[in-house]
Amino acid sequence: MRLQVRQVPARQFGREILSSIGPVLVFGLVVPILFALGLGKHFRFYWNISDRGWPYFFLSIVLLMLIQDTWFYWTHRLMHHRRLFRWFHRTHHRSTNPNPLTTYSMSVLEAIVLSGSSVISLFIIPTTGAALVIIGWLNLIYGVYGHLGYELYPRAMAGHWLGRWINTSMAHNVHHATGRYNYGYYFLFWDRLMGTLDPDYEAKYSN
């Protein structure tokens, strides 16, 4: 289901590609820089899944998702503050009709802030390389899905007892179109708890 009737203007694609270069470098270099600074020895990293077992391996991925979602929600809301928005988040919100190229189209400052979730996770959550690779791909895939411009989940998703807690492309599209509401990444826990979910979200989704 296409979420906006209007087409994405061609000039937006070029702008988004250019404004993604810096952020991609930030996300790719943050961990190597930490190692170069000698901080890698403090990471809660372990090599073999068998050291903690498969149940913990899958639990660690869930924990990484929760940290990502919590960090994203609160820093995202903070970057919408009128005194911070122009410096951190305005570049990303120039795209009111998002598409996959919008995912990393942001300021370098915003990329530095958002990379904080990865840094925090490495210091506090025991993880294997496999878990880090999986969460990296999940972050990319869900980021692209959130900016896809199309809804892939079924129409009943928003009203389902479980689906109502899951973030959707529709929810994030509304955020880009209005500049308000729906600040989460993977989930809608924080939006529902803090009253920042679009009050018409479920009606918009079902229609």
C-alpha atoms as a PDB file:
ATOM      1  CA  MET A   1       0.000   0.000   0.000  1.00  0.00           C
ATOM      2  CA  ARG A   2       1.506   3.332  -1.090  1.00  0.00           C
ATOM      3  CA  LEU A   3       1.419   5.833   1.771  1.00  0.00           C
ATOM      4  CA  GLN A   4       1.505   9.147  -0.098  1.00  0.00           C
ATOM      5  CA  VAL A   5      -0.148   9.959  -3.411  1.00  0.00           C
ATOM      6  CA  ARG A   6       2.481  12.433  -4.580  1.00  0.00           C
ATOM      7  CA  GLN A   7       5.666  11.176  -6.178  1.00  0.00           C
ATOM      8  CA  VAL A   8       9.112  11.791  -4.717  1.00  0.00           C
ATOM      9  CA  PRO A   9      10.763  14.591  -6.772  1.00  0.00           C
ATOM     10  CA  ALA A  10      13.891  13.508  -8.665  1.00  0.00           C
ATOM     11  CA  ARG A  11      16.035  16.241  -7.085  1.00  0.00           C
ATOM     12  CA  GLN A  12      15.309  14.768  -3.649  1.00  0.00           C
ATOM     13  CA  PHE A  13      17.157  11.561  -4.550  1.00  0.00           C
ATOM     14  CA  GLY A  14      20.382  13.396  -5.396  1.00  0.00           C
ATOM     15  CA  ARG A  15      20.214  15.493  -2.232  1.00  0.00           C
ATOM     16  CA  GLU A  16      19.646  12.420  -0.086  1.00  0.00           C
ATOM     17  CA  ILE A  17      22.570  10.531  -1.618  1.00  0.00           C
ATOM     18  CA  LEU A  18      24.936  13.431  -0.924  1.00  0.00           C
ATOM     19  CA  SER A  19      23.689  13.953   2.622  1.00  0.00           C
ATOM     20  CA  SER A  20      24.074  10.231   3.380  1.00  0.00           C
ATOM     21  CA  ILE A  21      27.829  10.082   2.749  1.00  0.00           C
ATOM     22  CA  GLY A  22      28.900  11.612   6.072  1.00  0.00           C
ATOM     23  CA  PRO A  23      26.478   9.587   8.225  1.00  0.00           C
ATOM     24  CA  VAL A  24      27.450   6.295   6.553  1.00  0.00           C
ATOM     25  CA  LEU A  25      31.093   7.072   7.357  1.00  0.00           C
ATOM     26  CA  VAL A  26      30.180   7.875  10.968  1.00  0.00           C
ATOM     27  CA  PHE A  27      28.238   4.643  11.455  1.00  0.00           C
ATOM     28  CA  GLY A  28      30.990   2.633   9.806  1.00  0.00           C
ATOM     29  CA  LEU A  29      33.903   4.197  11.692  1.00  0.00           C
ATOM     30  CA  VAL A  30      32.576   4.634  15.228  1.00  0.00           C
ATOM     31  CA  VAL A  31      33.618   1.169  16.440  1.00  0.00           C
ATOM     32  CA  PRO A  32      37.068   1.210  14.748  1.00  0.00           C
ATOM     33  CA  ILE A  33      37.690   4.627  16.319  1.00  0.00           C
ATOM     34  CA  LEU A  34      36.819   3.263  19.759  1.00  0.00           C
ATOM     35  CA  PHE A  35      39.299   0.442  19.205  1.00  0.00           C
ATOM     36  CA  ALA A  36      41.929   2.932  18.045  1.00  0.00           C
ATOM     37  CA  LEU A  37      41.396   4.879  21.277  1.00  0.00           C
ATOM     38  CA  GLY A  38      42.044   1.713  23.269  1.00  0.00           C
ATOM     39  CA  LEU A  39      38.462   1.369  24.481  1.00  0.00           C
ATOM     40  CA  GLY A  40      37.790  -1.932  22.752  1.00  0.00           C
ATOM     41  CA  LYS A  41      39.203  -3.832  25.716  1.00  0.00           C
ATOM     42  CA  HIS A  42      36.212  -2.665  27.749  1.00  0.00           C
ATOM     43  CA  PHE A  43      33.601  -4.083  25.345  1.00  0.00           C
ATOM     44  CA  ARG A  44      31.437  -6.929  26.698  1.00  0.00           C
ATOM     45  CA  PHE A  45      32.370  -9.057  23.708  1.00  0.00           C
ATOM     46  CA  TYR A  46      32.718 -12.842  23.694  1.00  0.00           C
ATOM     47  CA  TRP A  47      33.714 -15.101  20.822  1.00  0.00           C
ATOM     48  CA  ASN A  48      31.765 -18.339  21.074  1.00  0.00           C
ATOM     49  CA  ILE A  49      27.980 -18.583  21.267  1.00  0.00           C
ATOM     50  CA  SER A  50      28.463 -21.728  23.353  1.00  0.00           C
ATOM     51  CA  ASP A  51      30.087 -19.630  26.110  1.00  0.00           C
ATOM     52  CA  ARG A  52      26.644 -18.326  27.121  1.00  0.00           C
ATOM     53  CA  GLY A  53      24.364 -20.610  25.130  1.00  0.00           C
ATOM     54  CA  TRP A  54      21.810 -20.125  22.395  1.00  0.00           C
ATOM     55  CA  PRO A  55      18.997 -18.806  24.636  1.00  0.00           C
ATOM     56  CA  TYR A  56      21.199 -15.900  25.732  1.00  0.00           C
ATOM     57  CA  PHE A  57      22.352 -15.344  22.143  1.00  0.00           C
ATOM     58  CA  PHE A  58      18.764 -14.669  21.056  1.00  0.00           C
ATOM     59  CA  LEU A  59      18.063 -12.697  24.236  1.00  0.00           C
ATOM     60  CA  SER A  60      21.061 -10.473  23.514  1.00  0.00           C
ATOM     61  CA  ILE A  61      19.603  -9.573  20.118  1.00  0.00           C
ATOM     62  CA  VAL A  62      16.313  -8.576  21.765  1.00  0.00           C
ATOM     63  CA  LEU A  63      18.222  -6.505  24.338  1.00  0.00           C
ATOM     64  CA  LEU A  64      20.155  -4.767  21.555  1.00  0.00           C
ATOM     65  CA  MET A  65      16.865  -3.958  19.813  1.00  0.00           C
ATOM     66  CA  LEU A  66      15.404  -2.524  23.029  1.00  0.00           C
ATOM     67  CA  ILE A  67      18.473  -0.347  23.620  1.00  0.00           C
ATOM     68  CA  GLN A  68      18.368   0.852  20.011  1.00  0.00           C
ATOM     69  CA  ASP A  69      14.678   1.681  20.273  1.00  0.00           C
ATOM     70  CA  THR A  70      14.976   3.456  23.627  1.00  0.00           C
ATOM     71  CA  TRP A  71      18.020   5.498  22.610  1.00  0.00           C
ATOM     72  CA  PHE A  72      16.425   6.395  19.286  1.00  0.00           C
ATOM     73  CA  TYR A  73      13.123   7.460  20.831  1.00  0.00           C
ATOM     74  CA  TRP A  74      14.597   9.808  23.433  1.00  0.00           C
ATOM     75  CA  THR A  75      17.353  11.324  21.301  1.00  0.00           C
ATOM     76  CA  HIS A  76      14.884  11.670  18.430  1.00  0.00           C
ATOM     77  CA  ARG A  77      12.482  13.617  20.620  1.00  0.00           C
ATOM     78  CA  LEU A  78      15.344  15.727  21.932  1.00  0.00           C
ATOM     79  CA  MET A  79      16.482  16.594  18.406  1.00  0.00           C
ATOM     80  CA  HIS A  80      12.981  17.900  17.710  1.00  0.00           C
ATOM     81  CA  HIS A  81      13.502  20.603  20.342  1.00  0.00           C
ATOM     82  CA  ARG A  82      13.311  23.958  18.583  1.00  0.00           C
ATOM     83  CA  ARG A  83      16.828  24.941  19.675  1.00  0.00           C
ATOM     84  CA  LEU A  84      18.384  21.695  18.443  1.00  0.00           C
ATOM     85  CA  PHE A  85      16.301  20.818  15.402  1.00  0.00           C
ATOM     86  CA  ARG A  86      18.109  23.000  12.856  1.00  0.00           C
ATOM     87  CA  TRP A  87      21.529  21.716  13.898  1.00  0.00           C
ATOM     88  CA  PHE A  88      20.758  18.028  14.257  1.00  0.00           C
ATOM     89  CA  HIS A  89      17.572  16.921  12.532  1.00  0.00           C
ATOM     90  CA  ARG A  90      16.472  19.394   9.864  1.00  0.00           C
ATOM     91  CA  THR A  91      18.421  17.666   7.082  1.00  0.00           C
ATOM     92  CA  HIS A  92      16.525  14.425   7.656  1.00  0.00           C
ATOM     93  CA  HIS A  93      13.158  16.177   7.752  1.00  0.00           C
ATOM     94  CA  ARG A  94      13.680  17.950   4.453  1.00  0.00           C
ATOM     95  CA  SER A  95      12.268  14.704   3.077  1.00  0.00           C
ATOM     96  CA  THR A  96       8.569  14.975   3.885  1.00  0.00           C
ATOM     97  CA  ASN A  97       7.823  12.127   1.466  1.00  0.00           C
ATOM     98  CA  PRO A  98      10.425   9.519   2.487  1.00  0.00           C
ATOM     99  CA  ASN A  99      11.908   6.745   0.399  1.00  0.00           C
ATOM    100  CA  PRO A 100      14.719   4.233   1.109  1.00  0.00           C
ATOM    101  CA  LEU A 101      17.407   6.833   0.336  1.00  0.00           C
ATOM    102  CA  THR A 102      16.029   8.960   3.178  1.00  0.00           C
ATOM    103  CA  THR A 103      17.218   6.390   5.721  1.00  0.00           C
ATOM    104  CA  TYR A 104      20.739   7.801   6.146  1.00  0.00           C
ATOM    105  CA  SER A 105      20.041  11.280   4.807  1.00  0.00           C
ATOM    106  CA  MET A 106      20.866  13.285   7.924  1.00  0.00           C
ATOM    107  CA  SER A 107      23.436  15.619   9.416  1.00  0.00           C
ATOM    108  CA  VAL A 108      26.741  14.254  10.670  1.00  0.00           C
ATOM    109  CA  LEU A 109      25.782  15.530  14.126  1.00  0.00           C
ATOM    110  CA  GLU A 110      22.622  13.433  14.092  1.00  0.00           C
ATOM    111  CA  ALA A 111      24.590  10.371  12.978  1.00  0.00           C
ATOM    112  CA  ILE A 112      27.011  10.826  15.874  1.00  0.00           C
ATOM    113  CA  VAL A 113      24.112  11.022  18.324  1.00  0.00           C
ATOM    114  CA  LEU A 114      22.336   7.974  16.888  1.00  0.00           C
ATOM    115  CA  SER A 115      25.528   5.900  16.950  1.00  0.00           C
ATOM    116  CA  GLY A 116      25.424   6.255  20.732  1.00  0.00           C
ATOM    117  CA  SER A 117      23.130   3.236  20.986  1.00  0.00           C
ATOM    118  CA  SER A 118      25.823   1.013  19.462  1.00  0.00           C
ATOM    119  CA  VAL A 119      28.467   2.405  21.790  1.00  0.00           C
ATOM    120  CA  ILE A 120      26.311   1.888  24.884  1.00  0.00           C
ATOM    121  CA  SER A 121      25.412  -1.644  23.803  1.00  0.00           C
ATOM    122  CA  LEU A 122      29.043  -2.656  23.337  1.00  0.00           C
ATOM    123  CA  PHE A 123      29.908  -1.549  26.857  1.00  0.00           C
ATOM    124  CA  ILE A 124      26.973  -3.068  28.749  1.00  0.00           C
ATOM    125  CA  ILE A 125      25.581  -6.062  26.795  1.00  0.00           C
ATOM    126  CA  PRO A 126      27.690  -9.225  26.410  1.00  0.00           C
ATOM    127  CA  THR A 127      27.475  -9.966  22.679  1.00  0.00           C
ATOM    128  CA  THR A 128      29.060 -12.112  20.001  1.00  0.00           C
ATOM    129  CA  GLY A 129      30.103 -10.960  16.557  1.00  0.00           C
ATOM    130  CA  ALA A 130      27.152 -12.861  15.091  1.00  0.00           C
ATOM    131  CA  ALA A 131      24.682 -10.923  17.256  1.00  0.00           C
ATOM    132  CA  LEU A 132      26.284  -7.621  16.226  1.00  0.00           C
ATOM    133  CA  VAL A 133      26.049  -8.530  12.550  1.00  0.00           C
ATOM    134  CA  ILE A 134      22.387  -9.506  12.954  1.00  0.00           C
ATOM    135  CA  ILE A 135      21.459  -6.314  14.808  1.00  0.00           C
ATOM    136  CA  GLY A 136      23.337  -4.261  12.219  1.00  0.00           C
ATOM    137  CA  TRP A 137      21.296  -5.796   9.431  1.00  0.00           C
ATOM    138  CA  LEU A 138      18.061  -5.490  11.411  1.00  0.00           C
ATOM    139  CA  ASN A 139      18.741  -1.791  11.992  1.00  0.00           C
ATOM    140  CA  LEU A 140      19.368  -1.260   8.283  1.00  0.00           C
ATOM    141  CA  ILE A 141      16.375  -3.291   7.113  1.00  0.00           C
ATOM    142  CA  TYR A 142      13.951  -1.684   9.565  1.00  0.00           C
ATOM    143  CA  GLY A 143      15.315   1.766   8.791  1.00  0.00           C
ATOM    144  CA  VAL A 144      14.722   1.218   5.081  1.00  0.00           C
ATOM    145  CA  TYR A 145      11.265  -0.229   5.788  1.00  0.00           C
ATOM    146  CA  GLY A 146      10.382   2.788   7.920  1.00  0.00           C
ATOM    147  CA  HIS A 147      11.221   5.111   5.030  1.00  0.00           C
ATOM    148  CA  LEU A 148       9.923   2.849   2.274  1.00  0.00           C
ATOM    149  CA  GLY A 149       6.851   4.887   1.411  1.00  0.00           C
ATOM    150  CA  TYR A 150       4.812   1.676   1.342  1.00  0.00           C
ATOM    151  CA  GLU A 151       3.208  -0.348   4.118  1.00  0.00           C
ATOM    152  CA  LEU A 152       4.076  -4.043   4.130  1.00  0.00           C
ATOM    153  CA  TYR A 153       2.362  -5.209   7.305  1.00  0.00           C
ATOM    154  CA  PRO A 154      -1.254  -6.441   7.064  1.00  0.00           C
ATOM    155  CA  ARG A 155      -4.122  -3.982   7.469  1.00  0.00           C
ATOM    156  CA  ALA A 156      -5.090  -5.431  10.868  1.00  0.00           C
ATOM    157  CA  MET A 157      -1.606  -4.831  12.304  1.00  0.00           C
ATOM    158  CA  ALA A 158      -2.270  -1.618  14.246  1.00  0.00           C
ATOM    159  CA  GLY A 159      -5.268  -3.050  16.084  1.00  0.00           C
ATOM    160  CA  HIS A 160      -3.745  -6.431  16.885  1.00  0.00           C
ATOM    161  CA  TRP A 161      -2.824  -7.072  20.543  1.00  0.00           C
ATOM    162  CA  LEU A 162       0.822  -7.571  19.557  1.00  0.00           C
ATOM    163  CA  GLY A 163       0.985  -5.505  16.385  1.00  0.00           C
ATOM    164  CA  ARG A 164      -0.127  -2.350  18.200  1.00  0.00           C
ATOM    165  CA  TRP A 165       3.300  -2.270  19.890  1.00  0.00           C
ATOM    166  CA  ILE A 166       5.276  -2.608  16.649  1.00  0.00           C
ATOM    167  CA  ASN A 167       6.375   0.446  14.691  1.00  0.00           C
ATOM    168  CA  THR A 168       5.275   0.588  11.068  1.00  0.00           C
ATOM    169  CA  SER A 169       6.216   2.373   7.884  1.00  0.00           C
ATOM    170  CA  MET A 170       2.873   4.173   8.125  1.00  0.00           C
ATOM    171  CA  ALA A 171       3.718   5.525  11.583  1.00  0.00           C
ATOM    172  CA  HIS A 172       7.096   6.857  10.492  1.00  0.00           C
ATOM    173  CA  ASN A 173       5.689   8.237   7.257  1.00  0.00           C
ATOM    174  CA  VAL A 174       3.208  10.275   9.292  1.00  0.00           C
ATOM    175  CA  HIS A 175       6.136  11.542  11.353  1.00  0.00           C
ATOM    176  CA  HIS A 176       7.910  12.777   8.202  1.00  0.00           C
ATOM    177  CA  ALA A 177       4.768  14.273   6.704  1.00  0.00           C
ATOM    178  CA  THR A 178       3.765  16.185   9.845  1.00  0.00           C
ATOM    179  CA  GLY A 179       7.006  16.608  11.795  1.00  0.00           C
ATOM    180  CA  ARG A 180       5.160  15.354  14.863  1.00  0.00           C
ATOM    181  CA  TYR A 181       4.318  12.124  16.699  1.00  0.00           C
ATOM    182  CA  ASN A 182       5.679   8.580  16.327  1.00  0.00           C
ATOM    183  CA  TYR A 183       9.310   8.863  17.448  1.00  0.00           C
ATOM    184  CA  GLY A 184      10.119   5.163  17.914  1.00  0.00           C
ATOM    185  CA  TYR A 185      12.294   2.869  15.799  1.00  0.00           C
ATOM    186  CA  TYR A 186      11.269  -0.770  16.222  1.00  0.00           C
ATOM    187  CA  PHE A 187       8.444  -0.372  18.687  1.00  0.00           C
ATOM    188  CA  LEU A 188       5.674   1.961  19.826  1.00  0.00           C
ATOM    189  CA  PHE A 189       6.126   1.295  23.564  1.00  0.00           C
ATOM    190  CA  TRP A 190       7.571   4.707  24.339  1.00  0.00           C
ATOM    191  CA  ASP A 191       5.182   6.571  22.043  1.00  0.00           C
ATOM    192  CA  ARG A 192       2.178   4.982  23.731  1.00  0.00           C
ATOM    193  CA  LEU A 193       3.613   5.446  27.223  1.00  0.00           C
ATOM    194  CA  MET A 194       4.630   9.076  26.708  1.00  0.00           C
ATOM    195  CA  GLY A 195       1.566  10.136  24.716  1.00  0.00           C
ATOM    196  CA  THR A 196       3.476  10.895  21.509  1.00  0.00           C
ATOM    197  CA  LEU A 197       1.656   8.424  19.263  1.00  0.00           C
ATOM    198  CA  ASP A 198      -0.491  10.068  16.596  1.00  0.00           C
ATOM    199  CA  PRO A 199      -4.011   9.905  18.114  1.00  0.00           C
ATOM    200  CA  ASP A 200      -5.394   8.996  14.677  1.00  0.00           C
ATOM    201  CA  TYR A 201      -2.716   6.389  13.941  1.00  0.00           C
ATOM    202  CA  GLU A 202      -4.899   3.282  14.096  1.00  0.00           C
ATOM    203  CA  ALA A 203      -7.641   4.883  12.002  1.00  0.00           C
ATOM    204  CA  LYS A 204      -5.123   6.031   9.387  1.00  0.00           C
ATOM    205  CA  TYR A 205      -3.494   2.616   9.315  1.00  0.00           C
ATOM    206  CA  SER A 206      -6.720   0.671   8.851  1.00  0.00           C
ATOM    207  CA  ASN A 207      -7.788   3.014   6.036  1.00  0.00           C
END
